[in-house]
Amino acid sequence: MSADLQWSIIRNNSAFIVKSLGTTLSRDPNNLTNKNSFSATSAVNKKIVGIRPTEKGVVMVTKSKGKLVETKLTRGSRRAMKAIKAATVGSAYRPDLADVAMRRASALIRSQKSKGAAKRRSRKPKN
């Protein structure tokens, strides 16, 4: 079955659809933009890119020969960005999703960083 036919069937009938304030969103775990659109959904596309958080770092999910392949990126944010860019743009896999995937990974890695304890300022006593 072609991807266009599959999309026309599940476009309005999917377990991941969320309708809110006139917009149709998607809760698909491998949908980077969270929009219910043909280019972003992982159910009908042969090539997908998904970014998920882990304890330390992120996991990049791609599809190879019909199976989902997970790649753990835990060795720092710069290495993770380089690996995502190489997997999407460098290998011509899904260059249209490279920027969105890097933004998602950056936000997830930034949210995992612990903020240092706030320094307490002591005021000088008034004389």
PDB file of N, CA and C in Angstrom:
ATOM      1  N   MET A   1       0.845  -1.168   0.000  1.00  0.00           N
ATOM      2  CA  MET A   1       0.000   0.000   0.000  1.00  0.00           C
ATOM      3  C   MET A   1       0.894   1.237   0.000  1.00  0.00           C
ATOM      4  N   SER A   2       0.558   2.225  -0.799  1.00  0.00           N
ATOM      5  CA  SER A   2       1.397   3.409  -0.900  1.00  0.00           C
ATOM      6  C   SER A   2       1.263   4.284   0.347  1.00  0.00           C
ATOM      7  N   ALA A   3       2.272   5.106   0.558  1.00  0.00           N
ATOM      8  CA  ALA A   3       2.284   5.987   1.724  1.00  0.00           C
ATOM      9  C   ALA A   3       1.169   7.022   1.643  1.00  0.00           C
ATOM     10  N   ASP A   4       0.858   7.489   0.436  1.00  0.00           N
ATOM     11  CA  ASP A   4      -0.221   8.471   0.279  1.00  0.00           C
ATOM     12  C   ASP A   4      -1.572   7.881   0.654  1.00  0.00           C
ATOM     13  N   LEU A   5      -1.815   6.649   0.266  1.00  0.00           N
ATOM     14  CA  LEU A   5      -3.068   5.985   0.609  1.00  0.00           C
ATOM     15  C   LEU A   5      -3.154   5.742   2.120  1.00  0.00           C
ATOM     16  N   GLN A   6      -2.055   5.302   2.714  1.00  0.00           N
ATOM     17  CA  GLN A   6      -2.036   5.102   4.169  1.00  0.00           C
ATOM     18  C   GLN A   6      -2.315   6.418   4.897  1.00  0.00           C
ATOM     19  N   TRP A   7      -1.693   7.509   4.427  1.00  0.00           N
ATOM     20  CA  TRP A   7      -1.890   8.806   5.078  1.00  0.00           C
ATOM     21  C   TRP A   7      -3.342   9.266   4.954  1.00  0.00           C
ATOM     22  N   SER A   8      -3.961   9.048   3.798  1.00  0.00           N
ATOM     23  CA  SER A   8      -5.349   9.475   3.625  1.00  0.00           C
ATOM     24  C   SER A   8      -6.288   8.692   4.542  1.00  0.00           C
ATOM     25  N   ILE A   9      -5.903   7.465   4.904  1.00  0.00           N
ATOM     26  CA  ILE A   9      -6.721   6.664   5.812  1.00  0.00           C
ATOM     27  C   ILE A   9      -6.529   7.096   7.258  1.00  0.00           C
ATOM     28  N   ILE A  10      -5.292   7.280   7.693  1.00  0.00           N
ATOM     29  CA  ILE A  10      -5.050   7.565   9.115  1.00  0.00           C
ATOM     30  C   ILE A  10      -4.970   9.055   9.440  1.00  0.00           C
ATOM     31  N   ARG A  11      -5.102   9.907   8.462  1.00  0.00           N
ATOM     32  CA  ARG A  11      -4.987  11.347   8.689  1.00  0.00           C
ATOM     33  C   ARG A  11      -5.961  11.842   9.753  1.00  0.00           C
ATOM     34  N   ASN A  12      -7.195  11.386   9.691  1.00  0.00           N
ATOM     35  CA  ASN A  12      -8.214  11.821  10.652  1.00  0.00           C
ATOM     36  C   ASN A  12      -8.551  10.748  11.682  1.00  0.00           C
ATOM     37  N   ASN A  13      -7.978   9.559  11.559  1.00  0.00           N
ATOM     38  CA  ASN A  13      -8.296   8.451  12.448  1.00  0.00           C
ATOM     39  C   ASN A  13      -7.019   7.803  12.975  1.00  0.00           C
ATOM     40  N   SER A  14      -6.436   8.411  13.968  1.00  0.00           N
ATOM     41  CA  SER A  14      -5.218   7.876  14.547  1.00  0.00           C
ATOM     42  C   SER A  14      -5.303   7.979  16.060  1.00  0.00           C
ATOM     43  N   ALA A  15      -4.681   7.043  16.755  1.00  0.00           N
ATOM     44  CA  ALA A  15      -4.690   7.067  18.212  1.00  0.00           C
ATOM     45  C   ALA A  15      -3.836   8.208  18.758  1.00  0.00           C
ATOM     46  N   PHE A  16      -2.969   8.780  17.928  1.00  0.00           N
ATOM     47  CA  PHE A  16      -2.066   9.828  18.379  1.00  0.00           C
ATOM     48  C   PHE A  16      -2.623  11.238  18.197  1.00  0.00           C
ATOM     49  N   ILE A  17      -3.763  11.397  17.530  1.00  0.00           N
ATOM     50  CA  ILE A  17      -4.296  12.718  17.218  1.00  0.00           C
ATOM     51  C   ILE A  17      -4.846  13.401  18.462  1.00  0.00           C
ATOM     52  N   VAL A  18      -4.509  14.695  18.596  1.00  0.00           N
ATOM     53  CA  VAL A  18      -5.039  15.546  19.653  1.00  0.00           C
ATOM     54  C   VAL A  18      -5.506  16.826  18.985  1.00  0.00           C
ATOM     55  N   LYS A  19      -6.780  17.150  19.148  1.00  0.00           N
ATOM     56  CA  LYS A  19      -7.319  18.378  18.567  1.00  0.00           C
ATOM     57  C   LYS A  19      -7.488  19.399  19.675  1.00  0.00           C
ATOM     58  N   SER A  20      -6.899  20.576  19.475  1.00  0.00           N
ATOM     59  CA  SER A  20      -6.933  21.603  20.499  1.00  0.00           C
ATOM     60  C   SER A  20      -6.953  22.982  19.849  1.00  0.00           C
ATOM     61  N   LEU A  21      -7.945  23.763  20.184  1.00  0.00           N
ATOM     62  CA  LEU A  21      -8.055  25.145  19.724  1.00  0.00           C
ATOM     63  C   LEU A  21      -7.921  25.277  18.211  1.00  0.00           C
ATOM     64  N   GLY A  22      -8.561  24.405  17.488  1.00  0.00           N
ATOM     65  CA  GLY A  22      -8.576  24.482  16.034  1.00  0.00           C
ATOM     66  C   GLY A  22      -7.359  23.900  15.340  1.00  0.00           C
ATOM     67  N   THR A  23      -6.370  23.423  16.075  1.00  0.00           N
ATOM     68  CA  THR A  23      -5.200  22.816  15.445  1.00  0.00           C
ATOM     69  C   THR A  23      -5.202  21.319  15.728  1.00  0.00           C
ATOM     70  N   THR A  24      -4.643  20.560  14.826  1.00  0.00           N
ATOM     71  CA  THR A  24      -4.549  19.117  14.991  1.00  0.00           C
ATOM     72  C   THR A  24      -3.098  18.760  15.261  1.00  0.00           C
ATOM     73  N   LEU A  25      -2.844  18.221  16.438  1.00  0.00           N
ATOM     74  CA  LEU A  25      -1.495  17.843  16.851  1.00  0.00           C
ATOM     75  C   LEU A  25      -1.383  16.329  16.929  1.00  0.00           C
ATOM     76  N   SER A  26      -0.177  15.846  17.146  1.00  0.00           N
ATOM     77  CA  SER A  26       0.058  14.407  17.203  1.00  0.00           C
ATOM     78  C   SER A  26       0.933  14.078  18.403  1.00  0.00           C
ATOM     79  N   ARG A  27       0.628  12.975  19.073  1.00  0.00           N
ATOM     80  CA  ARG A  27       1.433  12.491  20.193  1.00  0.00           C
ATOM     81  C   ARG A  27       2.341  11.345  19.788  1.00  0.00           C
ATOM     82  N   ASP A  28       2.553  11.186  18.517  1.00  0.00           N
ATOM     83  CA  ASP A  28       3.416  10.138  17.994  1.00  0.00           C
ATOM     84  C   ASP A  28       4.823  10.320  18.581  1.00  0.00           C
ATOM     85  N   PRO A  29       5.405   9.286  19.196  1.00  0.00           N
ATOM     86  CA  PRO A  29       6.700   9.461  19.852  1.00  0.00           C
ATOM     87  C   PRO A  29       7.847   9.793  18.893  1.00  0.00           C
ATOM     88  N   ASN A  30       7.717   9.468  17.630  1.00  0.00           N
ATOM     89  CA  ASN A  30       8.772   9.763  16.658  1.00  0.00           C
ATOM     90  C   ASN A  30       8.430  10.946  15.762  1.00  0.00           C
ATOM     91  N   ASN A  31       7.468  11.755  16.170  1.00  0.00           N
ATOM     92  CA  ASN A  31       7.085  12.956  15.447  1.00  0.00           C
ATOM     93  C   ASN A  31       7.792  14.134  16.111  1.00  0.00           C
ATOM     94  N   LEU A  32       8.758  14.724  15.426  1.00  0.00           N
ATOM     95  CA  LEU A  32       9.567  15.776  16.017  1.00  0.00           C
ATOM     96  C   LEU A  32       8.826  17.095  16.162  1.00  0.00           C
ATOM     97  N   THR A  33       7.917  17.402  15.252  1.00  0.00           N
ATOM     98  CA  THR A  33       7.242  18.690  15.270  1.00  0.00           C
ATOM     99  C   THR A  33       5.917  18.661  16.024  1.00  0.00           C
ATOM    100  N   ASN A  34       5.427  17.480  16.348  1.00  0.00           N
ATOM    101  CA  ASN A  34       4.137  17.286  17.013  1.00  0.00           C
ATOM    102  C   ASN A  34       2.967  17.821  16.208  1.00  0.00           C
ATOM    103  N   LYS A  35       3.142  17.979  14.906  1.00  0.00           N
ATOM    104  CA  LYS A  35       2.057  18.370  14.008  1.00  0.00           C
ATOM    105  C   LYS A  35       1.555  17.118  13.302  1.00  0.00           C
ATOM    106  N   ASN A  36       0.259  17.070  13.069  1.00  0.00           N
ATOM    107  CA  ASN A  36      -0.315  15.934  12.358  1.00  0.00           C
ATOM    108  C   ASN A  36      -0.174  16.196  10.859  1.00  0.00           C
ATOM    109  N   SER A  37       0.992  15.858  10.312  1.00  0.00           N
ATOM    110  CA  SER A  37       1.248  16.094   8.900  1.00  0.00           C
ATOM    111  C   SER A  37       1.925  14.858   8.288  1.00  0.00           C
ATOM    112  N   PHE A  38       1.834  14.753   6.977  1.00  0.00           N
ATOM    113  CA  PHE A  38       2.380  13.601   6.270  1.00  0.00           C
ATOM    114  C   PHE A  38       3.891  13.494   6.456  1.00  0.00           C
ATOM    115  N   SER A  39       4.595  14.612   6.365  1.00  0.00           N
ATOM    116  CA  SER A  39       6.058  14.556   6.427  1.00  0.00           C
ATOM    117  C   SER A  39       6.579  14.244   7.829  1.00  0.00           C
ATOM    118  N   ALA A  40       5.776  14.486   8.863  1.00  0.00           N
ATOM    119  CA  ALA A  40       6.257  14.309  10.238  1.00  0.00           C
ATOM    120  C   ALA A  40       5.818  12.995  10.874  1.00  0.00           C
ATOM    121  N   THR A  41       4.814  12.343  10.335  1.00  0.00           N
ATOM    122  CA  THR A  41       4.309  11.129  10.967  1.00  0.00           C
ATOM    123  C   THR A  41       5.233   9.943  10.697  1.00  0.00           C
ATOM    124  N   SER A  42       5.363   9.072  11.679  1.00  0.00           N
ATOM    125  CA  SER A  42       6.251   7.922  11.517  1.00  0.00           C
ATOM    126  C   SER A  42       5.501   6.676  11.060  1.00  0.00           C
ATOM    127  N   ALA A  43       4.206   6.716  11.032  1.00  0.00           N
ATOM    128  CA  ALA A  43       3.431   5.531  10.675  1.00  0.00           C
ATOM    129  C   ALA A  43       3.492   5.221   9.184  1.00  0.00           C
ATOM    130  N   VAL A  44       3.618   6.240   8.334  1.00  0.00           N
ATOM    131  CA  VAL A  44       3.555   6.005   6.897  1.00  0.00           C
ATOM    132  C   VAL A  44       4.872   6.233   6.170  1.00  0.00           C
ATOM    133  N   ASN A  45       5.808   6.928   6.766  1.00  0.00           N
ATOM    134  CA  ASN A  45       7.074   7.217   6.092  1.00  0.00           C
ATOM    135  C   ASN A  45       8.050   6.047   6.216  1.00  0.00           C
ATOM    136  N   LYS A  46       8.832   5.837   5.163  1.00  0.00           N
ATOM    137  CA  LYS A  46       9.828   4.772   5.189  1.00  0.00           C
ATOM    138  C   LYS A  46      11.052   5.182   5.991  1.00  0.00           C
ATOM    139  N   LYS A  47      11.342   6.471   6.003  1.00  0.00           N
ATOM    140  CA  LYS A  47      12.485   6.995   6.746  1.00  0.00           C
ATOM    141  C   LYS A  47      11.975   7.954   7.809  1.00  0.00           C
ATOM    142  N   ILE A  48      12.314   7.678   9.069  1.00  0.00           N
ATOM    143  CA  ILE A  48      11.877   8.543  10.165  1.00  0.00           C
ATOM    144  C   ILE A  48      13.071   8.909  11.038  1.00  0.00           C
ATOM    145  N   VAL A  49      12.924   9.994  11.752  1.00  0.00           N
ATOM    146  CA  VAL A  49      13.907  10.406  12.750  1.00  0.00           C
ATOM    147  C   VAL A  49      13.125  10.798  13.990  1.00  0.00           C
ATOM    148  N   GLY A  50      13.475  10.209  15.123  1.00  0.00           N
ATOM    149  CA  GLY A  50      12.828  10.543  16.389  1.00  0.00           C
ATOM    150  C   GLY A  50      13.882  10.776  17.457  1.00  0.00           C
ATOM    151  N   ILE A  51      13.597  11.676  18.377  1.00  0.00           N
ATOM    152  CA  ILE A  51      14.511  11.978  19.476  1.00  0.00           C
ATOM    153  C   ILE A  51      13.749  11.786  20.780  1.00  0.00           C
ATOM    154  N   ARG A  52      14.312  10.959  21.685  1.00  0.00           N
ATOM    155  CA  ARG A  52      13.692  10.709  22.990  1.00  0.00           C
ATOM    156  C   ARG A  52      14.711  10.974  24.086  1.00  0.00           C
ATOM    157  N   PRO A  53      14.250  11.370  25.281  1.00  0.00           N
ATOM    158  CA  PRO A  53      15.200  11.559  26.385  1.00  0.00           C
ATOM    159  C   PRO A  53      15.538  10.233  27.060  1.00  0.00           C
ATOM    160  N   THR A  54      16.717  10.175  27.646  1.00  0.00           N
ATOM    161  CA  THR A  54      17.118   9.068  28.506  1.00  0.00           C
ATOM    162  C   THR A  54      17.609   9.688  29.813  1.00  0.00           C
ATOM    163  N   GLU A  55      18.142   8.867  30.700  1.00  0.00           N
ATOM    164  CA  GLU A  55      18.631   9.413  31.958  1.00  0.00           C
ATOM    165  C   GLU A  55      19.717  10.456  31.720  1.00  0.00           C
ATOM    166  N   LYS A  56      20.690  10.115  30.889  1.00  0.00           N
ATOM    167  CA  LYS A  56      21.758  11.039  30.527  1.00  0.00           C
ATOM    168  C   LYS A  56      21.854  11.064  29.015  1.00  0.00           C
ATOM    169  N   GLY A  57      21.431  12.139  28.416  1.00  0.00           N
ATOM    170  CA  GLY A  57      21.507  12.260  26.973  1.00  0.00           C
ATOM    171  C   GLY A  57      20.180  11.977  26.293  1.00  0.00           C
ATOM    172  N   VAL A  58      20.274  11.609  25.024  1.00  0.00           N
ATOM    173  CA  VAL A  58      19.085  11.353  24.216  1.00  0.00           C
ATOM    174  C   VAL A  58      19.281  10.070  23.404  1.00  0.00           C
ATOM    175  N   VAL A  59      18.183   9.580  22.852  1.00  0.00           N
ATOM    176  CA  VAL A  59      18.197   8.425  21.957  1.00  0.00           C
ATOM    177  C   VAL A  59      17.641   8.879  20.621  1.00  0.00           C
ATOM    178  N   MET A  60      18.387   8.618  19.537  1.00  0.00           N
ATOM    179  CA  MET A  60      17.911   8.932  18.202  1.00  0.00           C
ATOM    180  C   MET A  60      17.340   7.658  17.600  1.00  0.00           C
ATOM    181  N   VAL A  61      16.112   7.734  17.115  1.00  0.00           N
ATOM    182  CA  VAL A  61      15.428   6.581  16.536  1.00  0.00           C
ATOM    183  C   VAL A  61      15.325   6.785  15.031  1.00  0.00           C
ATOM    184  N   THR A  62      15.774   5.797  14.273  1.00  0.00           N
ATOM    185  CA  THR A  62      15.627   5.811  12.825  1.00  0.00           C
ATOM    186  C   THR A  62      15.013   4.484  12.395  1.00  0.00           C
ATOM    187  N   LYS A  63      14.579   4.429  11.148  1.00  0.00           N
ATOM    188  CA  LYS A  63      13.980   3.201  10.628  1.00  0.00           C
ATOM    189  C   LYS A  63      14.878   2.634   9.547  1.00  0.00           C
ATOM    190  N   SER A  64      15.236   1.360   9.706  1.00  0.00           N
ATOM    191  CA  SER A  64      16.075   0.688   8.732  1.00  0.00           C
ATOM    192  C   SER A  64      15.465  -0.664   8.400  1.00  0.00           C
ATOM    193  N   LYS A  65      15.144  -0.870   7.153  1.00  0.00           N
ATOM    194  CA  LYS A  65      14.529  -2.117   6.671  1.00  0.00           C
ATOM    195  C   LYS A  65      13.273  -2.461   7.456  1.00  0.00           C
ATOM    196  N   GLY A  66      12.479  -1.450   7.773  1.00  0.00           N
ATOM    197  CA  GLY A  66      11.210  -1.660   8.459  1.00  0.00           C
ATOM    198  C   GLY A  66      11.310  -1.793   9.963  1.00  0.00           C
ATOM    199  N   LYS A  67      12.526  -1.804  10.508  1.00  0.00           N
ATOM    200  CA  LYS A  67      12.702  -1.941  11.954  1.00  0.00           C
ATOM    201  C   LYS A  67      13.233  -0.641  12.531  1.00  0.00           C
ATOM    202  N   LEU A  68      12.831  -0.324  13.754  1.00  0.00           N
ATOM    203  CA  LEU A  68      13.319   0.871  14.426  1.00  0.00           C
ATOM    204  C   LEU A  68      14.696   0.605  15.018  1.00  0.00           C
ATOM    205  N   VAL A  69      15.621   1.506  14.750  1.00  0.00           N
ATOM    206  CA  VAL A  69      16.987   1.401  15.247  1.00  0.00           C
ATOM    207  C   VAL A  69      17.225   2.557  16.211  1.00  0.00           C
ATOM    208  N   GLU A  70      17.617   2.231  17.452  1.00  0.00           N
ATOM    209  CA  GLU A  70      17.856   3.249  18.466  1.00  0.00           C
ATOM    210  C   GLU A  70      19.353   3.459  18.639  1.00  0.00           C
ATOM    211  N   THR A  71      19.765   4.722  18.635  1.00  0.00           N
ATOM    212  CA  THR A  71      21.163   5.081  18.830  1.00  0.00           C
ATOM    213  C   THR A  71      21.254   5.977  20.052  1.00  0.00           C
ATOM    214  N   LYS A  72      21.979   5.537  21.077  1.00  0.00           N
ATOM    215  CA  LYS A  72      22.119   6.330  22.295  1.00  0.00           C
ATOM    216  C   LYS A  72      23.204   7.376  22.091  1.00  0.00           C
ATOM    217  N   LEU A  73      22.889   8.614  22.449  1.00  0.00           N
ATOM    218  CA  LEU A  73      23.823   9.726  22.349  1.00  0.00           C
ATOM    219  C   LEU A  73      23.989  10.312  23.744  1.00  0.00           C
ATOM    220  N   THR A  74      24.998   9.831  24.479  1.00  0.00           N
ATOM    221  CA  THR A  74      25.143  10.218  25.880  1.00  0.00           C
ATOM    222  C   THR A  74      26.480  10.880  26.195  1.00  0.00           C
ATOM    223  N   ARG A  75      27.314  11.137  25.208  1.00  0.00           N
ATOM    224  CA  ARG A  75      28.659  11.619  25.497  1.00  0.00           C
ATOM    225  C   ARG A  75      28.811  13.128  25.337  1.00  0.00           C
ATOM    226  N   GLY A  76      27.772  13.881  25.568  1.00  0.00           N
ATOM    227  CA  GLY A  76      27.873  15.335  25.501  1.00  0.00           C
ATOM    228  C   GLY A  76      27.020  15.916  24.395  1.00  0.00           C
ATOM    229  N   SER A  77      26.669  17.173  24.565  1.00  0.00           N
ATOM    230  CA  SER A  77      25.743  17.799  23.632  1.00  0.00           C
ATOM    231  C   SER A  77      26.387  18.053  22.268  1.00  0.00           C
ATOM    232  N   ARG A  78      27.646  18.423  22.237  1.00  0.00           N
ATOM    233  CA  ARG A  78      28.292  18.688  20.947  1.00  0.00           C
ATOM    234  C   ARG A  78      28.414  17.408  20.111  1.00  0.00           C
ATOM    235  N   ARG A  79      28.760  16.311  20.750  1.00  0.00           N
ATOM    236  CA  ARG A  79      28.839  15.038  20.027  1.00  0.00           C
ATOM    237  C   ARG A  79      27.465  14.584  19.567  1.00  0.00           C
ATOM    238  N   ALA A  80      26.457  14.818  20.388  1.00  0.00           N
ATOM    239  CA  ALA A  80      25.096  14.436  20.007  1.00  0.00           C
ATOM    240  C   ALA A  80      24.641  15.227  18.789  1.00  0.00           C
ATOM    241  N   MET A  81      24.900  16.542  18.782  1.00  0.00           N
ATOM    242  CA  MET A  81      24.508  17.370  17.633  1.00  0.00           C
ATOM    243  C   MET A  81      25.245  16.921  16.368  1.00  0.00           C
ATOM    244  N   LYS A  82      26.534  16.620  16.517  1.00  0.00           N
ATOM    245  CA  LYS A  82      27.320  16.174  15.366  1.00  0.00           C
ATOM    246  C   LYS A  82      26.797  14.845  14.830  1.00  0.00           C
ATOM    247  N   ALA A  83      26.421  13.925  15.725  1.00  0.00           N
ATOM    248  CA  ALA A  83      25.907  12.621  15.302  1.00  0.00           C
ATOM    249  C   ALA A  83      24.550  12.751  14.623  1.00  0.00           C
ATOM    250  N   ILE A  84      23.694  13.627  15.142  1.00  0.00           N
ATOM    251  CA  ILE A  84      22.373  13.827  14.529  1.00  0.00           C
ATOM    252  C   ILE A  84      22.525  14.441  13.153  1.00  0.00           C
ATOM    253  N   LYS A  85      23.399  15.423  13.032  1.00  0.00           N
ATOM    254  CA  LYS A  85      23.607  16.066  11.737  1.00  0.00           C
ATOM    255  C   LYS A  85      24.187  15.078  10.727  1.00  0.00           C
ATOM    256  N   ALA A  86      25.133  14.250  11.172  1.00  0.00           N
ATOM    257  CA  ALA A  86      25.734  13.262  10.269  1.00  0.00           C
ATOM    258  C   ALA A  86      24.714  12.216   9.833  1.00  0.00           C
ATOM    259  N   ALA A  87      23.815  11.833  10.737  1.00  0.00           N
ATOM    260  CA  ALA A  87      22.834  10.797  10.412  1.00  0.00           C
ATOM    261  C   ALA A  87      21.725  11.308   9.500  1.00  0.00           C
ATOM    262  N   THR A  88      21.426  12.596   9.569  1.00  0.00           N
ATOM    263  CA  THR A  88      20.319  13.133   8.768  1.00  0.00           C
ATOM    264  C   THR A  88      20.811  13.795   7.487  1.00  0.00           C
ATOM    265  N   VAL A  89      21.660  14.786   7.607  1.00  0.00           N
ATOM    266  CA  VAL A  89      22.133  15.529   6.440  1.00  0.00           C
ATOM    267  C   VAL A  89      23.291  14.817   5.758  1.00  0.00           C
ATOM    268  N   GLY A  90      24.256  14.364   6.544  1.00  0.00           N
ATOM    269  CA  GLY A  90      25.465  13.763   5.991  1.00  0.00           C
ATOM    270  C   GLY A  90      25.208  12.534   5.151  1.00  0.00           C
ATOM    271  N   SER A  91      24.257  11.723   5.551  1.00  0.00           N
ATOM    272  CA  SER A  91      23.972  10.505   4.803  1.00  0.00           C
ATOM    273  C   SER A  91      22.752  10.654   3.903  1.00  0.00           C
ATOM    274  N   ALA A  92      22.226  11.880   3.769  1.00  0.00           N
ATOM    275  CA  ALA A  92      21.048  12.179   2.949  1.00  0.00           C
ATOM    276  C   ALA A  92      19.858  11.314   3.352  1.00  0.00           C
ATOM    277  N   TYR A  93      19.712  11.057   4.659  1.00  0.00           N
ATOM    278  CA  TYR A  93      18.618  10.215   5.149  1.00  0.00           C
ATOM    279  C   TYR A  93      17.325  11.013   5.193  1.00  0.00           C
ATOM    280  N   ARG A  94      17.234  12.027   6.034  1.00  0.00           N
ATOM    281  CA  ARG A  94      16.095  12.946   6.066  1.00  0.00           C
ATOM    282  C   ARG A  94      16.618  14.347   6.367  1.00  0.00           C
ATOM    283  N   PRO A  95      17.221  15.036   5.400  1.00  0.00           N
ATOM    284  CA  PRO A  95      17.790  16.357   5.666  1.00  0.00           C
ATOM    285  C   PRO A  95      16.734  17.390   6.054  1.00  0.00           C
ATOM    286  N   ASP A  96      15.474  17.164   5.692  1.00  0.00           N
ATOM    287  CA  ASP A  96      14.425  18.119   6.060  1.00  0.00           C
ATOM    288  C   ASP A  96      14.136  18.111   7.555  1.00  0.00           C
ATOM    289  N   LEU A  97      14.482  17.031   8.251  1.00  0.00           N
ATOM    290  CA  LEU A  97      14.232  16.948   9.689  1.00  0.00           C
ATOM    291  C   LEU A  97      15.478  17.218  10.535  1.00  0.00           C
ATOM    292  N   ALA A  98      16.589  17.565   9.910  1.00  0.00           N
ATOM    293  CA  ALA A  98      17.840  17.760  10.648  1.00  0.00           C
ATOM    294  C   ALA A  98      17.733  18.897  11.652  1.00  0.00           C
ATOM    295  N   ASP A  99      17.245  20.050  11.226  1.00  0.00           N
ATOM    296  CA  ASP A  99      17.165  21.215  12.119  1.00  0.00           C
ATOM    297  C   ASP A  99      16.211  20.951  13.275  1.00  0.00           C
ATOM    298  N   VAL A 100      15.075  20.353  12.978  1.00  0.00           N
ATOM    299  CA  VAL A 100      14.083  20.077  14.025  1.00  0.00           C
ATOM    300  C   VAL A 100      14.618  19.049  15.023  1.00  0.00           C
ATOM    301  N   ALA A 101      15.319  18.031  14.525  1.00  0.00           N
ATOM    302  CA  ALA A 101      15.885  17.009  15.409  1.00  0.00           C
ATOM    303  C   ALA A 101      16.965  17.593  16.306  1.00  0.00           C
ATOM    304  N   MET A 102      17.787  18.477  15.760  1.00  0.00           N
ATOM    305  CA  MET A 102      18.836  19.099  16.567  1.00  0.00           C
ATOM    306  C   MET A 102      18.238  20.033  17.615  1.00  0.00           C
ATOM    307  N   ARG A 103      17.168  20.738  17.282  1.00  0.00           N
ATOM    308  CA  ARG A 103      16.501  21.605  18.261  1.00  0.00           C
ATOM    309  C   ARG A 103      15.874  20.780  19.393  1.00  0.00           C
ATOM    310  N   ARG A 104      15.243  19.682  19.042  1.00  0.00           N
ATOM    311  CA  ARG A 104      14.624  18.819  20.051  1.00  0.00           C
ATOM    312  C   ARG A 104      15.680  18.225  20.979  1.00  0.00           C
ATOM    313  N   ALA A 105      16.772  17.723  20.413  1.00  0.00           N
ATOM    314  CA  ALA A 105      17.845  17.146  21.222  1.00  0.00           C
ATOM    315  C   ALA A 105      18.484  18.198  22.115  1.00  0.00           C
ATOM    316  N   SER A 106      18.682  19.382  21.582  1.00  0.00           N
ATOM    317  CA  SER A 106      19.283  20.459  22.369  1.00  0.00           C
ATOM    318  C   SER A 106      18.400  20.823  23.557  1.00  0.00           C
ATOM    319  N   ALA A 107      17.105  20.912  23.337  1.00  0.00           N
ATOM    320  CA  ALA A 107      16.182  21.250  24.422  1.00  0.00           C
ATOM    321  C   ALA A 107      16.160  20.153  25.479  1.00  0.00           C
ATOM    322  N   LEU A 108      16.185  18.893  25.053  1.00  0.00           N
ATOM    323  CA  LEU A 108      16.169  17.787  26.010  1.00  0.00           C
ATOM    324  C   LEU A 108      17.461  17.731  26.827  1.00  0.00           C
ATOM    325  N   ILE A 109      18.591  17.928  26.170  1.00  0.00           N
ATOM    326  CA  ILE A 109      19.867  17.902  26.883  1.00  0.00           C
ATOM    327  C   ILE A 109      19.960  19.080  27.848  1.00  0.00           C
ATOM    328  N   ARG A 110      19.490  20.248  27.416  1.00  0.00           N
ATOM    329  CA  ARG A 110      19.513  21.429  28.276  1.00  0.00           C
ATOM    330  C   ARG A 110      18.629  21.228  29.502  1.00  0.00           C
ATOM    331  N   SER A 111      17.511  20.545  29.340  1.00  0.00           N
ATOM    332  CA  SER A 111      16.603  20.329  30.478  1.00  0.00           C
ATOM    333  C   SER A 111      17.161  19.310  31.470  1.00  0.00           C
ATOM    334  N   GLN A 112      18.113  18.489  31.030  1.00  0.00           N
ATOM    335  CA  GLN A 112      18.692  17.483  31.918  1.00  0.00           C
ATOM    336  C   GLN A 112      19.822  18.032  32.775  1.00  0.00           C
ATOM    337  N   LYS A 113      20.336  19.183  32.422  1.00  0.00           N
ATOM    338  CA  LYS A 113      21.429  19.762  33.202  1.00  0.00           C
ATOM    339  C   LYS A 113      20.887  20.238  34.539  1.00  0.00           C
ATOM    340  N   SER A 114      21.639  19.955  35.594  1.00  0.00           N
ATOM    341  CA  SER A 114      21.210  20.396  36.906  1.00  0.00           C
ATOM    342  C   SER A 114      21.701  21.814  37.127  1.00  0.00           C
ATOM    343  N   LYS A 115      20.829  22.617  37.682  1.00  0.00           N
ATOM    344  CA  LYS A 115      21.213  23.985  37.985  1.00  0.00           C
ATOM    345  C   LYS A 115      21.909  23.990  39.336  1.00  0.00           C
ATOM    346  N   GLY A 116      22.958  24.750  39.425  1.00  0.00           N
ATOM    347  CA  GLY A 116      23.699  24.841  40.676  1.00  0.00           C
ATOM    348  C   GLY A 116      22.858  25.495  41.758  1.00  0.00           C
ATOM    349  N   ALA A 117      23.211  25.236  42.991  1.00  0.00           N
ATOM    350  CA  ALA A 117      22.486  25.835  44.102  1.00  0.00           C
ATOM    351  C   ALA A 117      22.653  27.349  44.055  1.00  0.00           C
ATOM    352  N   ALA A 118      21.580  28.042  44.322  1.00  0.00           N
ATOM    353  CA  ALA A 118      21.619  29.497  44.294  1.00  0.00           C
ATOM    354  C   ALA A 118      22.472  30.004  45.450  1.00  0.00           C
ATOM    355  N   LYS A 119      23.336  30.935  45.135  1.00  0.00           N
ATOM    356  CA  LYS A 119      24.194  31.491  46.178  1.00  0.00           C
ATOM    357  C   LYS A 119      23.383  32.458  47.026  1.00  0.00           C
ATOM    358  N   ARG A 120      23.578  32.340  48.309  1.00  0.00           N
ATOM    359  CA  ARG A 120      22.892  33.256  49.218  1.00  0.00           C
ATOM    360  C   ARG A 120      23.778  34.475  49.415  1.00  0.00           C
ATOM    361  N   ARG A 121      23.166  35.592  49.226  1.00  0.00           N
ATOM    362  CA  ARG A 121      23.907  36.826  49.430  1.00  0.00           C
ATOM    363  C   ARG A 121      23.699  37.294  50.869  1.00  0.00           C
ATOM    364  N   SER A 122      24.772  37.590  51.470  1.00  0.00           N
ATOM    365  CA  SER A 122      24.640  38.105  52.839  1.00  0.00           C
ATOM    366  C   SER A 122      24.841  39.611  52.796  1.00  0.00           C
ATOM    367  N   ARG A 123      23.952  40.285  53.426  1.00  0.00           N
ATOM    368  CA  ARG A 123      24.034  41.743  53.457  1.00  0.00           C
ATOM    369  C   ARG A 123      24.963  42.184  54.594  1.00  0.00           C
ATOM    370  N   LYS A 124      25.588  43.270  54.350  1.00  0.00           N
ATOM    371  CA  LYS A 124      26.415  43.839  55.406  1.00  0.00           C
ATOM    372  C   LYS A 124      25.494  44.456  56.453  1.00  0.00           C
ATOM    373  N   PRO A 125      25.788  44.236  57.719  1.00  0.00           N
ATOM    374  CA  PRO A 125      24.921  44.829  58.751  1.00  0.00           C
ATOM    375  C   PRO A 125      25.025  46.349  58.734  1.00  0.00           C
ATOM    376  N   LYS A 126      23.890  46.984  58.963  1.00  0.00           N
ATOM    377  CA  LYS A 126      23.861  48.444  59.002  1.00  0.00           C
ATOM    378  C   LYS A 126      24.458  48.921  60.306  1.00  0.00           C
ATOM    379  N   ASN A 127      25.250  49.960  60.247  1.00  0.00           N
ATOM    380  CA  ASN A 127      25.861  50.514  61.467  1.00  0.00           C
ATOM    381  C   ASN A 127      25.102  51.695  61.984  1.00  0.00           C
TER     382      ASN A 127
END
